[in-house]
Amino acid sequence: MGLTFLYNFLRFLLLAFELLIIGRVVLSYVEPAGRSSLSQFLVATTEPVLGPIRRVLPRTGMFDLSPLIVILVLGMIVRYLPA
């Protein structure tokens, strides 16, 4: 019972983080300057994960592929968590 709760809670946190990353990507198209408090919150919560991956990936011009990589990895982790 307790282990199932732990897996479900971890799954919830990972999916919530995926939504934060998607929100950051969408908001970067709507408000590229990032001056709103929502933009600042999304950058502050997602940058610790996206930043190191961005430094490892090769430059692709104006496209940032780090959110895609993180979402794919998080999806694999969620998929392979025990049900």
PDB file of N, CA and C in Angstrom:
ATOM      1  N   MET A   1       0.833  -1.200   0.000  1.00  0.00           N
ATOM      2  CA  MET A   1       0.000   0.000   0.000  1.00  0.00           C
ATOM      3  C   MET A   1       0.870   1.253   0.000  1.00  0.00           C
ATOM      4  N   GLY A   2       1.874   1.310   0.871  1.00  0.00           N
ATOM      5  CA  GLY A   2       2.728   2.487   0.963  1.00  0.00           C
ATOM      6  C   GLY A   2       3.626   2.654  -0.250  1.00  0.00           C
ATOM      7  N   LEU A   3       4.098   1.530  -0.793  1.00  0.00           N
ATOM      8  CA  LEU A   3       4.965   1.595  -1.962  1.00  0.00           C
ATOM      9  C   LEU A   3       4.186   2.043  -3.194  1.00  0.00           C
ATOM     10  N   THR A   4       2.943   1.617  -3.301  1.00  0.00           N
ATOM     11  CA  THR A   4       2.091   2.059  -4.405  1.00  0.00           C
ATOM     12  C   THR A   4       1.867   3.565  -4.336  1.00  0.00           C
ATOM     13  N   PHE A   5       1.636   4.078  -3.140  1.00  0.00           N
ATOM     14  CA  PHE A   5       1.469   5.521  -2.983  1.00  0.00           C
ATOM     15  C   PHE A   5       2.727   6.261  -3.401  1.00  0.00           C
ATOM     16  N   LEU A   6       3.883   5.734  -3.020  1.00  0.00           N
ATOM     17  CA  LEU A   6       5.151   6.365  -3.370  1.00  0.00           C
ATOM     18  C   LEU A   6       5.354   6.402  -4.883  1.00  0.00           C
ATOM     19  N   TYR A   7       5.060   5.295  -5.568  1.00  0.00           N
ATOM     20  CA  TYR A   7       5.186   5.270  -7.026  1.00  0.00           C
ATOM     21  C   TYR A   7       4.214   6.241  -7.688  1.00  0.00           C
ATOM     22  N   ASN A   8       2.989   6.282  -7.202  1.00  0.00           N
ATOM     23  CA  ASN A   8       2.004   7.210  -7.767  1.00  0.00           C
ATOM     24  C   ASN A   8       2.394   8.659  -7.510  1.00  0.00           C
ATOM     25  N   PHE A   9       2.928   8.942  -6.346  1.00  0.00           N
ATOM     26  CA  PHE A   9       3.360  10.306  -6.030  1.00  0.00           C
ATOM     27  C   PHE A   9       4.533  10.712  -6.910  1.00  0.00           C
ATOM     28  N   LEU A  10       5.484   9.810  -7.109  1.00  0.00           N
ATOM     29  CA  LEU A  10       6.615  10.082  -7.982  1.00  0.00           C
ATOM     30  C   LEU A  10       6.146  10.295  -9.418  1.00  0.00           C
ATOM     31  N   ARG A  11       5.200   9.481  -9.872  1.00  0.00           N
ATOM     32  CA  ARG A  11       4.643   9.632 -11.211  1.00  0.00           C
ATOM     33  C   ARG A  11       3.971  10.995 -11.353  1.00  0.00           C
ATOM     34  N   PHE A  12       3.233  11.416 -10.333  1.00  0.00           N
ATOM     35  CA  PHE A  12       2.568  12.724 -10.342  1.00  0.00           C
ATOM     36  C   PHE A  12       3.590  13.854 -10.429  1.00  0.00           C
ATOM     37  N   LEU A  13       4.670  13.772  -9.644  1.00  0.00           N
ATOM     38  CA  LEU A  13       5.694  14.817  -9.680  1.00  0.00           C
ATOM     39  C   LEU A  13       6.370  14.904 -11.045  1.00  0.00           C
ATOM     40  N   LEU A  14       6.659  13.769 -11.637  1.00  0.00           N
ATOM     41  CA  LEU A  14       7.308  13.772 -12.946  1.00  0.00           C
ATOM     42  C   LEU A  14       6.389  14.339 -14.027  1.00  0.00           C
ATOM     43  N   LEU A  15       5.113  13.988 -13.980  1.00  0.00           N
ATOM     44  CA  LEU A  15       4.159  14.532 -14.951  1.00  0.00           C
ATOM     45  C   LEU A  15       3.943  16.022 -14.734  1.00  0.00           C
ATOM     46  N   ALA A  16       3.934  16.463 -13.489  1.00  0.00           N
ATOM     47  CA  ALA A  16       3.805  17.897 -13.211  1.00  0.00           C
ATOM     48  C   ALA A  16       5.013  18.656 -13.743  1.00  0.00           C
ATOM     49  N   PHE A  17       6.196  18.069 -13.621  1.00  0.00           N
ATOM     50  CA  PHE A  17       7.392  18.718 -14.148  1.00  0.00           C
ATOM     51  C   PHE A  17       7.353  18.780 -15.674  1.00  0.00           C
ATOM     52  N   GLU A  18       6.819  17.741 -16.303  1.00  0.00           N
ATOM     53  CA  GLU A  18       6.639  17.780 -17.751  1.00  0.00           C
ATOM     54  C   GLU A  18       5.719  18.933 -18.151  1.00  0.00           C
ATOM     55  N   LEU A  19       4.661  19.130 -17.407  1.00  0.00           N
ATOM     56  CA  LEU A  19       3.739  20.237 -17.701  1.00  0.00           C
ATOM     57  C   LEU A  19       4.409  21.587 -17.506  1.00  0.00           C
ATOM     58  N   LEU A  20       5.265  21.700 -16.510  1.00  0.00           N
ATOM     59  CA  LEU A  20       6.006  22.947 -16.321  1.00  0.00           C
ATOM     60  C   LEU A  20       6.921  23.227 -17.512  1.00  0.00           C
ATOM     61  N   ILE A  21       7.561  22.191 -18.024  1.00  0.00           N
ATOM     62  CA  ILE A  21       8.438  22.368 -19.182  1.00  0.00           C
ATOM     63  C   ILE A  21       7.630  22.759 -20.412  1.00  0.00           C
ATOM     64  N   ILE A  22       6.504  22.107 -20.626  1.00  0.00           N
ATOM     65  CA  ILE A  22       5.646  22.459 -21.758  1.00  0.00           C
ATOM     66  C   ILE A  22       5.143  23.886 -21.614  1.00  0.00           C
ATOM     67  N   GLY A  23       4.779  24.275 -20.402  1.00  0.00           N
ATOM     68  CA  GLY A  23       4.346  25.655 -20.163  1.00  0.00           C
ATOM     69  C   GLY A  23       5.447  26.644 -20.469  1.00  0.00           C
ATOM     70  N   ARG A  24       6.668  26.309 -20.127  1.00  0.00           N
ATOM     71  CA  ARG A  24       7.791  27.207 -20.422  1.00  0.00           C
ATOM     72  C   ARG A  24       7.995  27.348 -21.919  1.00  0.00           C
ATOM     73  N   VAL A  25       7.890  26.248 -22.648  1.00  0.00           N
ATOM     74  CA  VAL A  25       8.069  26.303 -24.099  1.00  0.00           C
ATOM     75  C   VAL A  25       6.974  27.143 -24.744  1.00  0.00           C
ATOM     76  N   VAL A  26       5.742  26.915 -24.358  1.00  0.00           N
ATOM     77  CA  VAL A  26       4.624  27.675 -24.935  1.00  0.00           C
ATOM     78  C   VAL A  26       4.750  29.149 -24.578  1.00  0.00           C
ATOM     79  N   LEU A  27       5.086  29.436 -23.346  1.00  0.00           N
ATOM     80  CA  LEU A  27       5.197  30.832 -22.920  1.00  0.00           C
ATOM     81  C   LEU A  27       6.377  31.534 -23.590  1.00  0.00           C
ATOM     82  N   SER A  28       7.388  30.793 -23.984  1.00  0.00           N
ATOM     83  CA  SER A  28       8.506  31.426 -24.676  1.00  0.00           C
ATOM     84  C   SER A  28       8.102  31.918 -26.059  1.00  0.00           C
ATOM     85  N   TYR A  29       7.072  31.326 -26.640  1.00  0.00           N
ATOM     86  CA  TYR A  29       6.564  31.813 -27.922  1.00  0.00           C
ATOM     87  C   TYR A  29       5.608  32.976 -27.729  1.00  0.00           C
ATOM     88  N   VAL A  30       4.848  32.960 -26.651  1.00  0.00           N
ATOM     89  CA  VAL A  30       3.868  34.013 -26.394  1.00  0.00           C
ATOM     90  C   VAL A  30       4.543  35.266 -25.858  1.00  0.00           C
ATOM     91  N   GLU A  31       5.451  35.074 -24.923  1.00  0.00           N
ATOM     92  CA  GLU A  31       6.139  36.204 -24.303  1.00  0.00           C
ATOM     93  C   GLU A  31       7.643  35.931 -24.289  1.00  0.00           C
ATOM     94  N   PRO A  32       8.327  36.231 -25.381  1.00  0.00           N
ATOM     95  CA  PRO A  32       9.752  35.882 -25.478  1.00  0.00           C
ATOM     96  C   PRO A  32      10.643  36.625 -24.488  1.00  0.00           C
ATOM     97  N   ALA A  33      10.230  37.814 -24.056  1.00  0.00           N
ATOM     98  CA  ALA A  33      11.069  38.569 -23.115  1.00  0.00           C
ATOM     99  C   ALA A  33      11.084  37.923 -21.738  1.00  0.00           C
ATOM    100  N   GLY A  34      10.024  37.235 -21.358  1.00  0.00           N
ATOM    101  CA  GLY A  34       9.969  36.544 -20.072  1.00  0.00           C
ATOM    102  C   GLY A  34       9.920  37.451 -18.870  1.00  0.00           C
ATOM    103  N   ARG A  35       9.166  38.533 -18.958  1.00  0.00           N
ATOM    104  CA  ARG A  35       9.112  39.497 -17.858  1.00  0.00           C
ATOM    105  C   ARG A  35       8.007  39.225 -16.843  1.00  0.00           C
ATOM    106  N   SER A  36       7.052  38.389 -17.184  1.00  0.00           N
ATOM    107  CA  SER A  36       5.946  38.148 -16.254  1.00  0.00           C
ATOM    108  C   SER A  36       6.415  37.257 -15.101  1.00  0.00           C
ATOM    109  N   SER A  37       5.659  37.269 -14.038  1.00  0.00           N
ATOM    110  CA  SER A  37       6.016  36.446 -12.884  1.00  0.00           C
ATOM    111  C   SER A  37       5.862  34.962 -13.196  1.00  0.00           C
ATOM    112  N   LEU A  38       4.910  34.632 -14.062  1.00  0.00           N
ATOM    113  CA  LEU A  38       4.752  33.227 -14.458  1.00  0.00           C
ATOM    114  C   LEU A  38       5.979  32.755 -15.240  1.00  0.00           C
ATOM    115  N   SER A  39       6.467  33.570 -16.151  1.00  0.00           N
ATOM    116  CA  SER A  39       7.672  33.216 -16.907  1.00  0.00           C
ATOM    117  C   SER A  39       8.866  33.035 -15.983  1.00  0.00           C
ATOM    118  N   GLN A  40       9.020  33.929 -15.041  1.00  0.00           N
ATOM    119  CA  GLN A  40      10.139  33.837 -14.107  1.00  0.00           C
ATOM    120  C   GLN A  40      10.040  32.588 -13.239  1.00  0.00           C
ATOM    121  N   PHE A  41       8.822  32.238 -12.835  1.00  0.00           N
ATOM    122  CA  PHE A  41       8.619  31.019 -12.047  1.00  0.00           C
ATOM    123  C   PHE A  41       8.978  29.783 -12.864  1.00  0.00           C
ATOM    124  N   LEU A  42       8.508  29.730 -14.115  1.00  0.00           N
ATOM    125  CA  LEU A  42       8.784  28.569 -14.956  1.00  0.00           C
ATOM    126  C   LEU A  42      10.274  28.427 -15.248  1.00  0.00           C
ATOM    127  N   VAL A  43      10.946  29.527 -15.485  1.00  0.00           N
ATOM    128  CA  VAL A  43      12.393  29.472 -15.720  1.00  0.00           C
ATOM    129  C   VAL A  43      13.119  29.019 -14.461  1.00  0.00           C
ATOM    130  N   ALA A  44      12.712  29.540 -13.317  1.00  0.00           N
ATOM    131  CA  ALA A  44      13.382  29.186 -12.065  1.00  0.00           C
ATOM    132  C   ALA A  44      13.201  27.711 -11.709  1.00  0.00           C
ATOM    133  N   THR A  45      12.058  27.132 -12.050  1.00  0.00           N
ATOM    134  CA  THR A  45      11.816  25.735 -11.685  1.00  0.00           C
ATOM    135  C   THR A  45      12.363  24.744 -12.703  1.00  0.00           C
ATOM    136  N   THR A  46      12.469  25.140 -13.960  1.00  0.00           N
ATOM    137  CA  THR A  46      12.907  24.188 -14.977  1.00  0.00           C
ATOM    138  C   THR A  46      14.371  24.337 -15.374  1.00  0.00           C
ATOM    139  N   GLU A  47      14.965  25.483 -15.136  1.00  0.00           N
ATOM    140  CA  GLU A  47      16.348  25.719 -15.575  1.00  0.00           C
ATOM    141  C   GLU A  47      17.375  24.791 -14.916  1.00  0.00           C
ATOM    142  N   PRO A  48      17.211  24.396 -13.642  1.00  0.00           N
ATOM    143  CA  PRO A  48      18.207  23.466 -13.070  1.00  0.00           C
ATOM    144  C   PRO A  48      18.301  22.136 -13.809  1.00  0.00           C
ATOM    145  N   VAL A  49      17.249  21.735 -14.499  1.00  0.00           N
ATOM    146  CA  VAL A  49      17.288  20.487 -15.267  1.00  0.00           C
ATOM    147  C   VAL A  49      17.643  20.764 -16.727  1.00  0.00           C
ATOM    148  N   LEU A  50      17.090  21.820 -17.292  1.00  0.00           N
ATOM    149  CA  LEU A  50      17.318  22.107 -18.712  1.00  0.00           C
ATOM    150  C   LEU A  50      18.717  22.660 -18.978  1.00  0.00           C
ATOM    151  N   GLY A  51      19.264  23.430 -18.056  1.00  0.00           N
ATOM    152  CA  GLY A  51      20.559  24.070 -18.261  1.00  0.00           C
ATOM    153  C   GLY A  51      21.695  23.107 -18.534  1.00  0.00           C
ATOM    154  N   PRO A  52      21.903  22.100 -17.689  1.00  0.00           N
ATOM    155  CA  PRO A  52      23.006  21.156 -17.946  1.00  0.00           C
ATOM    156  C   PRO A  52      22.837  20.388 -19.261  1.00  0.00           C
ATOM    157  N   ILE A  53      21.609  20.058 -19.606  1.00  0.00           N
ATOM    158  CA  ILE A  53      21.378  19.340 -20.865  1.00  0.00           C
ATOM    159  C   ILE A  53      21.648  20.264 -22.043  1.00  0.00           C
ATOM    160  N   ARG A  54      21.286  21.526 -21.918  1.00  0.00           N
ATOM    161  CA  ARG A  54      21.533  22.503 -22.979  1.00  0.00           C
ATOM    162  C   ARG A  54      23.029  22.673 -23.224  1.00  0.00           C
ATOM    163  N   ARG A  55      23.825  22.607 -22.156  1.00  0.00           N
ATOM    164  CA  ARG A  55      25.270  22.756 -22.317  1.00  0.00           C
ATOM    165  C   ARG A  55      25.905  21.555 -23.015  1.00  0.00           C
ATOM    166  N   VAL A  56      25.316  20.372 -22.852  1.00  0.00           N
ATOM    167  CA  VAL A  56      25.856  19.153 -23.455  1.00  0.00           C
ATOM    168  C   VAL A  56      25.466  19.039 -24.927  1.00  0.00           C
ATOM    169  N   LEU A  57      24.252  19.455 -25.274  1.00  0.00           N
ATOM    170  CA  LEU A  57      23.769  19.332 -26.653  1.00  0.00           C
ATOM    171  C   LEU A  57      24.506  20.291 -27.582  1.00  0.00           C
ATOM    172  N   PRO A  58      24.704  19.890 -28.829  1.00  0.00           N
ATOM    173  CA  PRO A  58      25.307  20.822 -29.787  1.00  0.00           C
ATOM    174  C   PRO A  58      24.334  21.943 -30.141  1.00  0.00           C
ATOM    175  N   ARG A  59      24.867  23.070 -30.529  1.00  0.00           N
ATOM    176  CA  ARG A  59      24.031  24.214 -30.908  1.00  0.00           C
ATOM    177  C   ARG A  59      23.235  23.887 -32.163  1.00  0.00           C
ATOM    178  N   THR A  60      21.943  24.248 -32.144  1.00  0.00           N
ATOM    179  CA  THR A  60      21.076  23.989 -33.295  1.00  0.00           C
ATOM    180  C   THR A  60      20.443  25.275 -33.789  1.00  0.00           C
ATOM    181  N   GLY A  61      21.169  26.348 -33.705  1.00  0.00           N
ATOM    182  CA  GLY A  61      20.617  27.630 -34.149  1.00  0.00           C
ATOM    183  C   GLY A  61      19.676  28.195 -33.112  1.00  0.00           C
ATOM    184  N   MET A  62      18.508  28.587 -33.546  1.00  0.00           N
ATOM    185  CA  MET A  62      17.576  29.210 -32.612  1.00  0.00           C
ATOM    186  C   MET A  62      16.676  28.196 -31.904  1.00  0.00           C
ATOM    187  N   PHE A  63      16.794  26.922 -32.230  1.00  0.00           N
ATOM    188  CA  PHE A  63      15.965  25.901 -31.605  1.00  0.00           C
ATOM    189  C   PHE A  63      16.668  25.305 -30.398  1.00  0.00           C
ATOM    190  N   ASP A  64      15.921  25.185 -29.302  1.00  0.00           N
ATOM    191  CA  ASP A  64      16.443  24.588 -28.082  1.00  0.00           C
ATOM    192  C   ASP A  64      15.813  23.203 -27.942  1.00  0.00           C
ATOM    193  N   LEU A  65      16.615  22.178 -28.063  1.00  0.00           N
ATOM    194  CA  LEU A  65      16.103  20.814 -28.005  1.00  0.00           C
ATOM    195  C   LEU A  65      16.119  20.218 -26.603  1.00  0.00           C
ATOM    196  N   SER A  66      16.631  20.945 -25.632  1.00  0.00           N
ATOM    197  CA  SER A  66      16.718  20.391 -24.277  1.00  0.00           C
ATOM    198  C   SER A  66      15.340  20.071 -23.674  1.00  0.00           C
ATOM    199  N   PRO A  67      14.284  20.876 -23.883  1.00  0.00           N
ATOM    200  CA  PRO A  67      12.979  20.466 -23.346  1.00  0.00           C
ATOM    201  C   PRO A  67      12.492  19.149 -23.932  1.00  0.00           C
ATOM    202  N   LEU A  68      12.740  18.933 -25.214  1.00  0.00           N
ATOM    203  CA  LEU A  68      12.331  17.678 -25.850  1.00  0.00           C
ATOM    204  C   LEU A  68      13.056  16.490 -25.236  1.00  0.00           C
ATOM    205  N   ILE A  69      14.352  16.631 -25.013  1.00  0.00           N
ATOM    206  CA  ILE A  69      15.145  15.549 -24.419  1.00  0.00           C
ATOM    207  C   ILE A  69      14.644  15.235 -23.013  1.00  0.00           C
ATOM    208  N   VAL A  70      14.406  16.278 -22.216  1.00  0.00           N
ATOM    209  CA  VAL A  70      13.948  16.068 -20.834  1.00  0.00           C
ATOM    210  C   VAL A  70      12.573  15.412 -20.823  1.00  0.00           C
ATOM    211  N   ILE A  71      11.674  15.851 -21.681  1.00  0.00           N
ATOM    212  CA  ILE A  71      10.328  15.272 -21.717  1.00  0.00           C
ATOM    213  C   ILE A  71      10.392  13.807 -22.142  1.00  0.00           C
ATOM    214  N   LEU A  72      11.237  13.479 -23.098  1.00  0.00           N
ATOM    215  CA  LEU A  72      11.379  12.077 -23.506  1.00  0.00           C
ATOM    216  C   LEU A  72      11.930  11.214 -22.379  1.00  0.00           C
ATOM    217  N   VAL A  73      12.933  11.709 -21.673  1.00  0.00           N
ATOM    218  CA  VAL A  73      13.515  10.941 -20.565  1.00  0.00           C
ATOM    219  C   VAL A  73      12.502  10.783 -19.427  1.00  0.00           C
ATOM    220  N   LEU A  74      11.805  11.861 -19.097  1.00  0.00           N
ATOM    221  CA  LEU A  74      10.791  11.764 -18.042  1.00  0.00           C
ATOM    222  C   LEU A  74       9.677  10.810 -18.435  1.00  0.00           C
ATOM    223  N   GLY A  75       9.289  10.823 -19.700  1.00  0.00           N
ATOM    224  CA  GLY A  75       8.258   9.887 -20.180  1.00  0.00           C
ATOM    225  C   GLY A  75       8.699   8.443 -20.056  1.00  0.00           C
ATOM    226  N   MET A  76       9.976   8.174 -20.353  1.00  0.00           N
ATOM    227  CA  MET A  76      10.482   6.813 -20.204  1.00  0.00           C
ATOM    228  C   MET A  76      10.506   6.396 -18.740  1.00  0.00           C
ATOM    229  N   ILE A  77      10.876   7.316 -17.868  1.00  0.00           N
ATOM    230  CA  ILE A  77      10.904   6.994 -16.435  1.00  0.00           C
ATOM    231  C   ILE A  77       9.502   6.696 -15.934  1.00  0.00           C
ATOM    232  N   VAL A  78       8.535   7.512 -16.320  1.00  0.00           N
ATOM    233  CA  VAL A  78       7.153   7.303 -15.880  1.00  0.00           C
ATOM    234  C   VAL A  78       6.629   5.985 -16.434  1.00  0.00           C
ATOM    235  N   ARG A  79       6.973   5.682 -17.678  1.00  0.00           N
ATOM    236  CA  ARG A  79       6.473   4.463 -18.301  1.00  0.00           C
ATOM    237  C   ARG A  79       6.994   3.211 -17.589  1.00  0.00           C
ATOM    238  N   TYR A  80       8.239   3.256 -17.125  1.00  0.00           N
ATOM    239  CA  TYR A  80       8.832   2.059 -16.535  1.00  0.00           C
ATOM    240  C   TYR A  80       8.699   1.996 -15.007  1.00  0.00           C
ATOM    241  N   LEU A  81       7.992   2.951 -14.404  1.00  0.00           N
ATOM    242  CA  LEU A  81       7.691   2.818 -12.985  1.00  0.00           C
ATOM    243  C   LEU A  81       6.671   1.701 -12.795  1.00  0.00           C
ATOM    244  N   PRO A  82       6.805   0.914 -11.749  1.00  0.00           N
ATOM    245  CA  PRO A  82       5.816  -0.148 -11.517  1.00  0.00           C
ATOM    246  C   PRO A  82       4.426   0.439 -11.284  1.00  0.00           C
ATOM    247  N   ALA A  83       3.440  -0.252 -11.781  1.00  0.00           N
ATOM    248  CA  ALA A  83       2.055   0.220 -11.659  1.00  0.00           C
ATOM    249  C   ALA A  83       1.483  -0.032 -10.292  1.00  0.00           C
TER     250      ALA A  83
END
